[in-house]
Amino acid sequence: MTPWLLLALLTACAPAPAEHLGTEWLSVYFSDPNAAGAALTQGGPDEPLQAAFDAAQESIDIAIYDLNMNNLRNALIAAAQRGVPVRMVIESENFSLEELAPLQAAGISVIGDENPDLMHHKFAIIDQQEVWTGSFNYTITDAYGNRNNLVRVRSSLIVENYAVEFEEMFSLGLFGSASLVNTPNPSIAIQGTVLETYFSPDDGVLAHLVDLVNNAKERIYFLSFSFTSDDLAEAMIAAKERGVEIFGVMDDTQAANPGGEFGRLTANDIEVRLDGEGGRLHHKVLVIDEFTVATGSYNFSANAESRNDENSLVIHNAVLASEFVEEFWRIWAIAEP
């Protein structure tokens, strides 16, 4: 038996590690181009993230596809200047000296992926105590022009997962197909909430998302920037055929995408709308039975599955799911039938 297969079998058989935390260990923030403060670049998900950077005392590690927000950059510089070690991995094609030189001048270590595939992560680890992840790039457009989510999880076990992924990139220089199958806590429990962590391209994220859809009993909601996965579409069509209600909103570019699943899903009587109210629908979200949420940087695409560095966090929590369902209906209401 190969070592990786033995590890997989042991992981599958082992009970999920458990943590007991306070009541404020899980939260979510949404960007909304139509919010009252959006035109003034106020009230977006960047603000709680900046506050977390400002409060950091021990370390900040960031893996981000793109960054151009002055407030976040300045918060990182201020952290470094007060002695907090700050490290960053960024997609090389966004490695702009204009944007990153001030960070480097403050002593912040910044590396690019130097890989033809995308380092598409959007996560931050603060003080080895909490992870911030979701679909939100650290850009003005993503904070105030597009629709995104930013999830904060305070958990040492989740931190360990993301820290291993970060060190794999930052310290070992391993990206894309060179990524290791080494997530230490793929499934954990926190006070009755189970969380699963998956990274691309090493953890086979698509199979886990398909399993979620296959096990849906009543209702599926999805929000997607890119949806080109035949397997995920087939699972949704099968779910519809067995009586599961499905509602989805895609970014309006999906209608003209020759590899997109919009036409196929609507042809099979799945209710899908196109987001047409300015900006981009940049979410990558599944909500199953008002209880389970899958979110992260992972688009529903072949590149996200097999080429890019991505993360997907699956959270089984009814309260969090209700917040995503509210976000879904806000977007649905202004989308084009």
Protein backbone atom coordinates (compact mmCIF):
# COMPACT_ATOMS: atom_id res chain seq x y z
CA MET A 1 0.00 0.00 0.00
CA THR A 2 1.40 3.40 -0.96
CA PRO A 3 2.02 5.92 1.87
CA TRP A 4 -0.48 8.44 0.49
CA LEU A 5 -3.21 5.78 0.31
CA LEU A 6 -2.48 4.68 3.87
CA LEU A 7 -2.70 8.31 5.00
CA ALA A 8 -6.00 8.74 3.17
CA LEU A 9 -7.47 5.62 4.80
CA LEU A 10 -6.32 6.66 8.27
CA THR A 11 -7.75 10.14 7.78
CA ALA A 12 -11.09 8.74 6.59
CA CYS A 13 -11.35 6.45 9.63
CA ALA A 14 -10.21 8.95 12.26
CA PRO A 15 -12.77 11.06 14.14
CA ALA A 16 -12.75 14.76 13.37
CA PRO A 17 -10.56 16.72 15.81
CA ALA A 18 -12.68 18.95 18.03
CA GLU A 19 -12.23 22.44 19.48
CA HIS A 20 -14.27 24.38 22.01
CA LEU A 21 -14.22 28.13 21.43
CA GLY A 22 -16.25 31.20 22.33
CA THR A 23 -19.33 32.38 20.50
CA GLU A 24 -17.51 34.73 18.10
CA TRP A 25 -15.35 32.20 16.29
CA LEU A 26 -17.17 32.33 12.91
CA SER A 27 -18.39 35.32 10.89
CA VAL A 28 -18.98 36.42 7.29
CA TYR A 29 -18.88 39.77 5.48
CA PHE A 30 -20.28 40.58 2.04
CA SER A 31 -19.43 43.21 -0.55
CA ASP A 32 -22.33 44.94 -2.27
CA PRO A 33 -21.87 47.49 -5.10
CA ASN A 34 -25.36 48.82 -4.31
CA ALA A 35 -24.73 49.41 -0.60
CA ALA A 36 -25.12 52.95 0.66
CA GLY A 37 -21.41 53.46 1.26
CA ALA A 38 -20.06 51.66 -1.78
CA ALA A 39 -19.67 54.79 -3.91
CA LEU A 40 -17.58 56.28 -1.09
CA THR A 41 -15.62 53.01 -0.64
CA GLN A 42 -16.99 52.64 2.86
CA GLY A 43 -18.50 49.71 4.71
CA GLY A 44 -16.95 46.91 2.63
CA PRO A 45 -15.28 43.69 3.80
CA ASP A 46 -11.91 45.42 3.71
CA GLU A 47 -12.77 47.32 6.88
CA PRO A 48 -13.04 44.38 9.33
CA LEU A 49 -9.99 42.84 7.66
CA GLN A 50 -8.03 46.05 8.13
CA ALA A 51 -9.09 46.09 11.79
CA ALA A 52 -7.73 42.55 12.16
CA PHE A 53 -4.43 43.59 10.57
CA ASP A 54 -4.30 46.59 12.90
CA ALA A 55 -4.83 44.33 15.92
CA ALA A 56 -2.21 41.72 14.90
CA GLN A 57 0.51 41.21 17.47
CA GLU A 58 2.51 38.15 16.39
CA SER A 59 2.32 37.45 12.65
CA ILE A 60 0.43 37.99 9.40
CA ASP A 61 0.73 35.54 6.48
CA ILE A 62 -1.19 36.30 3.28
CA ALA A 63 -1.74 34.38 0.04
CA ILE A 64 -3.57 36.71 -2.31
CA TYR A 65 -4.24 36.81 -6.04
CA ASP A 66 -4.26 40.62 -6.17
CA LEU A 67 -3.86 43.59 -3.83
CA ASN A 68 -4.26 47.29 -4.57
CA MET A 69 -6.15 48.75 -1.58
CA ASN A 70 -4.23 51.49 0.20
CA ASN A 71 -5.90 50.92 3.56
CA LEU A 72 -4.96 47.23 3.62
CA ARG A 73 -1.46 47.89 2.33
CA ASN A 74 -0.95 50.64 4.91
CA ALA A 75 -2.23 48.39 7.69
CA LEU A 76 0.31 45.74 6.71
CA ILE A 77 3.11 48.31 6.60
CA ALA A 78 2.09 49.62 10.03
CA ALA A 79 2.08 46.06 11.39
CA ALA A 80 5.60 45.47 10.07
CA GLN A 81 6.78 48.78 11.51
CA ARG A 82 5.57 47.82 14.98
CA GLY A 83 7.50 44.55 14.76
CA VAL A 84 4.89 42.07 13.48
CA PRO A 85 6.43 39.68 10.90
CA VAL A 86 4.43 39.96 7.68
CA ARG A 87 4.85 37.56 4.74
CA MET A 88 2.99 37.45 1.44
CA VAL A 89 2.57 35.16 -1.56
CA ILE A 90 0.99 36.76 -4.62
CA GLU A 91 0.16 35.76 -8.18
CA SER A 92 3.22 36.70 -10.26
CA GLU A 93 1.24 38.43 -12.98
CA ASN A 94 0.00 40.84 -10.30
CA PHE A 95 3.49 41.33 -8.84
CA SER A 96 3.53 45.05 -9.61
CA LEU A 97 6.44 46.99 -8.13
CA GLU A 98 4.25 50.05 -7.95
CA GLU A 99 1.83 48.24 -5.67
CA LEU A 100 4.28 46.08 -3.74
CA ALA A 101 7.41 48.21 -3.43
CA PRO A 102 6.08 50.05 -0.33
CA LEU A 103 5.48 46.67 1.34
CA GLN A 104 8.97 45.46 0.53
CA ALA A 105 10.46 48.78 1.69
CA ALA A 106 8.84 48.15 5.08
CA GLY A 107 10.61 44.80 5.33
CA ILE A 108 7.67 42.65 4.27
CA SER A 109 8.73 39.50 2.40
CA VAL A 110 6.74 39.18 -0.84
CA ILE A 111 7.16 36.33 -3.33
CA GLY A 112 5.38 35.51 -6.58
CA ASP A 113 4.39 32.04 -7.66
CA GLU A 114 6.50 32.10 -10.88
CA ASN A 115 4.05 29.57 -12.28
CA PRO A 116 2.06 29.69 -15.56
CA ASP A 117 -1.02 28.60 -13.60
CA LEU A 118 -2.71 30.92 -11.13
CA MET A 119 -1.96 31.34 -7.45
CA HIS A 120 -5.63 32.15 -6.94
CA HIS A 121 -5.87 31.99 -3.13
CA LYS A 122 -7.42 34.79 -1.11
CA PHE A 123 -6.55 34.04 2.52
CA ALA A 124 -4.84 35.60 5.51
CA ILE A 125 -3.61 33.97 8.72
CA ILE A 126 -3.37 36.36 11.67
CA ASP A 127 -1.42 35.64 14.87
CA GLN A 128 -1.70 31.90 14.16
CA GLN A 129 -5.20 32.21 15.64
CA GLU A 130 -7.60 32.99 12.80
CA VAL A 131 -8.04 32.57 9.05
CA TRP A 132 -9.80 35.00 6.71
CA THR A 133 -10.80 33.46 3.39
CA GLY A 134 -13.49 33.59 0.70
CA SER A 135 -13.79 35.05 -2.80
CA PHE A 136 -12.54 38.54 -1.90
CA ASN A 137 -9.33 39.82 -3.49
CA TYR A 138 -7.77 42.78 -1.70
CA THR A 139 -8.78 45.22 -4.43
CA ILE A 140 -11.08 48.23 -4.66
CA THR A 141 -13.08 46.48 -7.37
CA ASP A 142 -13.69 43.36 -5.29
CA ALA A 143 -14.55 45.35 -2.18
CA TYR A 144 -16.92 47.86 -3.80
CA GLY A 145 -17.58 46.92 -7.43
CA ASN A 146 -18.14 43.16 -7.29
CA ARG A 147 -20.12 40.77 -5.09
CA ASN A 148 -17.92 38.73 -2.78
CA ASN A 149 -17.74 37.09 0.61
CA LEU A 150 -15.09 37.13 3.31
CA VAL A 151 -15.28 34.48 6.03
CA ARG A 152 -13.40 34.67 9.32
CA VAL A 153 -12.72 31.45 11.26
CA ARG A 154 -10.99 31.54 14.62
CA SER A 155 -9.60 28.02 15.07
CA SER A 156 -6.11 26.66 15.66
CA LEU A 157 -6.94 23.55 13.63
CA ILE A 158 -8.13 25.52 10.61
CA VAL A 159 -5.09 27.79 11.01
CA GLU A 160 -2.87 24.71 10.88
CA ASN A 161 -4.41 23.68 7.54
CA TYR A 162 -3.84 27.07 5.95
CA ALA A 163 -0.40 27.48 7.53
CA VAL A 164 0.76 24.23 5.94
CA GLU A 165 -0.53 25.45 2.56
CA PHE A 166 1.17 28.80 3.03
CA GLU A 167 4.55 27.32 4.00
CA GLU A 168 4.33 24.94 1.05
CA MET A 169 4.24 27.97 -1.23
CA PHE A 170 6.32 30.53 0.66
CA SER A 171 9.08 28.31 2.09
CA LEU A 172 9.17 25.37 -0.34
CA GLY A 173 8.20 27.16 -3.55
CA LEU A 174 5.63 24.49 -4.45
CA PHE A 175 2.70 25.63 -6.58
CA GLY A 176 0.10 24.07 -8.87
CA SER A 177 0.84 20.47 -9.82
CA ALA A 178 3.77 20.38 -7.38
CA SER A 179 1.44 20.89 -4.41
CA LEU A 180 1.56 18.24 -1.70
CA VAL A 181 -1.30 16.17 -0.30
CA ASN A 182 -0.66 17.26 3.26
CA THR A 183 -3.68 19.00 4.83
CA PRO A 184 -3.36 18.01 8.51
CA ASN A 185 -7.00 18.46 9.59
CA PRO A 186 -9.26 17.97 6.55
CA SER A 187 -12.34 17.71 8.80
CA ILE A 188 -12.76 19.23 12.25
CA ALA A 189 -15.60 19.97 14.68
CA ILE A 190 -16.13 23.16 16.64
CA GLN A 191 -19.03 23.12 19.08
CA GLY A 192 -21.22 21.02 16.81
CA THR A 193 -20.13 22.67 13.55
CA VAL A 194 -18.12 20.49 11.18
CA LEU A 195 -15.66 22.27 8.88
CA GLU A 196 -13.86 20.69 5.94
CA THR A 197 -10.78 22.24 4.29
CA TYR A 198 -9.70 21.39 0.75
CA PHE A 199 -6.94 22.77 -1.45
CA SER A 200 -6.46 22.58 -5.20
CA PRO A 201 -5.11 20.91 -7.13
CA ASP A 202 -4.11 18.28 -4.56
CA ASP A 203 -7.30 17.51 -2.61
CA GLY A 204 -9.79 16.74 -5.39
CA VAL A 205 -12.18 19.55 -4.47
CA LEU A 206 -14.67 18.76 -7.23
CA ALA A 207 -15.44 15.29 -5.87
CA HIS A 208 -16.32 16.82 -2.49
CA LEU A 209 -18.61 19.42 -4.06
CA VAL A 210 -20.31 16.76 -6.17
CA ASP A 211 -20.85 14.70 -3.00
CA LEU A 212 -22.54 17.70 -1.37
CA VAL A 213 -24.90 18.04 -4.32
CA ASN A 214 -25.53 14.29 -4.48
CA ASN A 215 -26.51 14.28 -0.80
CA ALA A 216 -28.82 17.31 -0.99
CA LYS A 217 -32.32 16.49 0.21
CA GLU A 218 -34.41 19.61 -0.36
CA ARG A 219 -32.71 22.69 -1.79
CA ILE A 220 -29.50 23.94 -3.40
CA TYR A 221 -28.46 27.55 -3.94
CA PHE A 222 -25.37 28.53 -5.89
CA LEU A 223 -23.59 31.76 -6.76
CA SER A 224 -20.82 31.47 -9.35
CA PHE A 225 -18.46 33.66 -11.28
CA SER A 226 -17.32 30.78 -13.50
CA PHE A 227 -19.27 27.54 -13.92
CA THR A 228 -17.78 25.25 -16.57
CA SER A 229 -17.68 21.95 -14.64
CA ASP A 230 -19.60 19.24 -16.47
CA ASP A 231 -19.49 16.93 -13.44
CA LEU A 232 -20.99 19.50 -11.09
CA ALA A 233 -23.68 20.40 -13.63
CA GLU A 234 -24.55 16.70 -14.09
CA ALA A 235 -24.87 16.29 -10.33
CA MET A 236 -27.24 19.27 -10.18
CA ILE A 237 -29.34 17.93 -13.03
CA ALA A 238 -29.60 14.57 -11.25
CA ALA A 239 -30.56 16.34 -8.02
CA LYS A 240 -33.28 18.27 -9.86
CA GLU A 241 -34.61 15.03 -11.30
CA ARG A 242 -34.97 13.51 -7.82
CA GLY A 243 -36.96 16.52 -6.62
CA VAL A 244 -34.35 18.86 -5.13
CA GLU A 245 -35.12 22.55 -5.70
CA ILE A 246 -32.18 24.40 -7.25
CA PHE A 247 -31.71 28.14 -7.60
CA GLY A 248 -28.61 29.74 -9.03
CA VAL A 249 -27.16 33.06 -10.12
CA MET A 250 -24.16 33.27 -12.44
CA ASP A 251 -22.11 36.20 -13.58
CA ASP A 252 -23.60 37.53 -16.82
CA THR A 253 -20.46 36.58 -18.79
CA GLN A 254 -21.54 32.96 -18.38
CA ALA A 255 -24.35 33.36 -20.93
CA ALA A 256 -21.85 33.84 -23.75
CA ASN A 257 -19.23 31.39 -22.44
CA PRO A 258 -19.11 28.45 -24.90
CA GLY A 259 -17.85 26.17 -22.12
CA GLY A 260 -20.28 27.45 -19.51
CA GLU A 261 -23.12 25.45 -18.00
CA PHE A 262 -25.81 28.15 -18.01
CA GLY A 263 -27.63 26.85 -21.11
CA ARG A 264 -27.39 23.24 -20.03
CA LEU A 265 -28.78 23.90 -16.56
CA THR A 266 -31.66 26.08 -17.77
CA ALA A 267 -32.48 23.51 -20.47
CA ASN A 268 -32.98 21.01 -17.65
CA ASP A 269 -35.44 23.28 -15.83
CA ILE A 270 -32.99 24.51 -13.22
CA GLU A 271 -33.79 28.09 -12.25
CA VAL A 272 -30.69 30.14 -13.02
CA ARG A 273 -30.45 33.88 -13.43
CA LEU A 274 -27.65 36.10 -14.72
CA ASP A 275 -26.28 38.85 -12.52
CA GLY A 276 -26.65 41.97 -14.60
CA GLU A 277 -26.57 44.77 -12.05
CA GLY A 278 -23.09 46.16 -12.72
CA GLY A 279 -19.76 44.73 -11.63
CA ARG A 280 -19.11 41.03 -11.35
CA LEU A 281 -20.76 38.27 -9.38
CA HIS A 282 -17.47 36.97 -7.97
CA HIS A 283 -18.83 34.52 -5.38
CA LYS A 284 -17.98 30.81 -5.58
CA VAL A 285 -20.68 29.48 -3.27
CA LEU A 286 -22.84 26.41 -2.77
CA VAL A 287 -25.49 26.27 -0.04
CA ILE A 288 -27.06 22.87 0.61
CA ASP A 289 -30.33 22.37 2.52
CA GLU A 290 -29.98 25.68 4.41
CA PHE A 291 -27.24 24.03 6.47
CA THR A 292 -24.00 23.54 4.53
CA VAL A 293 -21.93 26.27 2.84
CA ALA A 294 -19.00 25.74 0.48
CA THR A 295 -17.02 28.87 -0.29
CA GLY A 296 -13.49 30.03 -1.02
CA SER A 297 -11.41 30.92 -4.06
CA TYR A 298 -12.44 27.82 -6.05
CA ASN A 299 -14.47 28.57 -9.20
CA PHE A 300 -16.51 25.70 -10.60
CA SER A 301 -14.02 25.13 -13.41
CA ALA A 302 -11.40 22.71 -14.71
CA ASN A 303 -8.57 25.17 -14.05
CA ALA A 304 -9.61 25.55 -10.41
CA GLU A 305 -9.73 21.78 -10.04
CA SER A 306 -6.51 20.70 -11.70
CA ARG A 307 -4.17 23.66 -12.25
CA ASN A 308 -4.58 26.63 -9.92
CA ASP A 309 -3.72 26.99 -6.24
CA GLU A 310 -7.14 27.34 -4.60
CA ASN A 311 -8.92 26.70 -1.32
CA SER A 312 -12.44 25.64 -0.48
CA LEU A 313 -13.95 25.70 3.00
CA VAL A 314 -17.08 23.64 3.67
CA ILE A 315 -18.95 24.69 6.80
CA HIS A 316 -21.94 22.79 8.21
CA ASN A 317 -23.67 25.49 10.21
CA ALA A 318 -27.30 26.62 9.89
CA VAL A 319 -26.68 30.18 11.14
CA LEU A 320 -23.91 30.82 8.62
CA ALA A 321 -25.96 29.16 5.88
CA SER A 322 -28.87 31.51 6.62
CA GLU A 323 -26.59 34.52 6.06
CA PHE A 324 -25.51 33.14 2.69
CA VAL A 325 -29.13 32.40 1.76
CA GLU A 326 -30.03 36.02 2.55
CA GLU A 327 -27.15 37.14 0.34
CA PHE A 328 -28.41 34.82 -2.39
CA TRP A 329 -31.92 36.27 -2.40
CA ARG A 330 -30.55 39.84 -2.44
CA ILE A 331 -28.64 38.99 -5.60
CA TRP A 332 -31.49 36.96 -7.09
CA ALA A 333 -33.89 39.89 -6.70
CA ILE A 334 -31.82 42.15 -8.99
CA ALA A 335 -30.62 39.44 -11.40
CA GLU A 336 -32.06 38.94 -14.88
CA PRO A 337 -34.58 36.10 -15.22
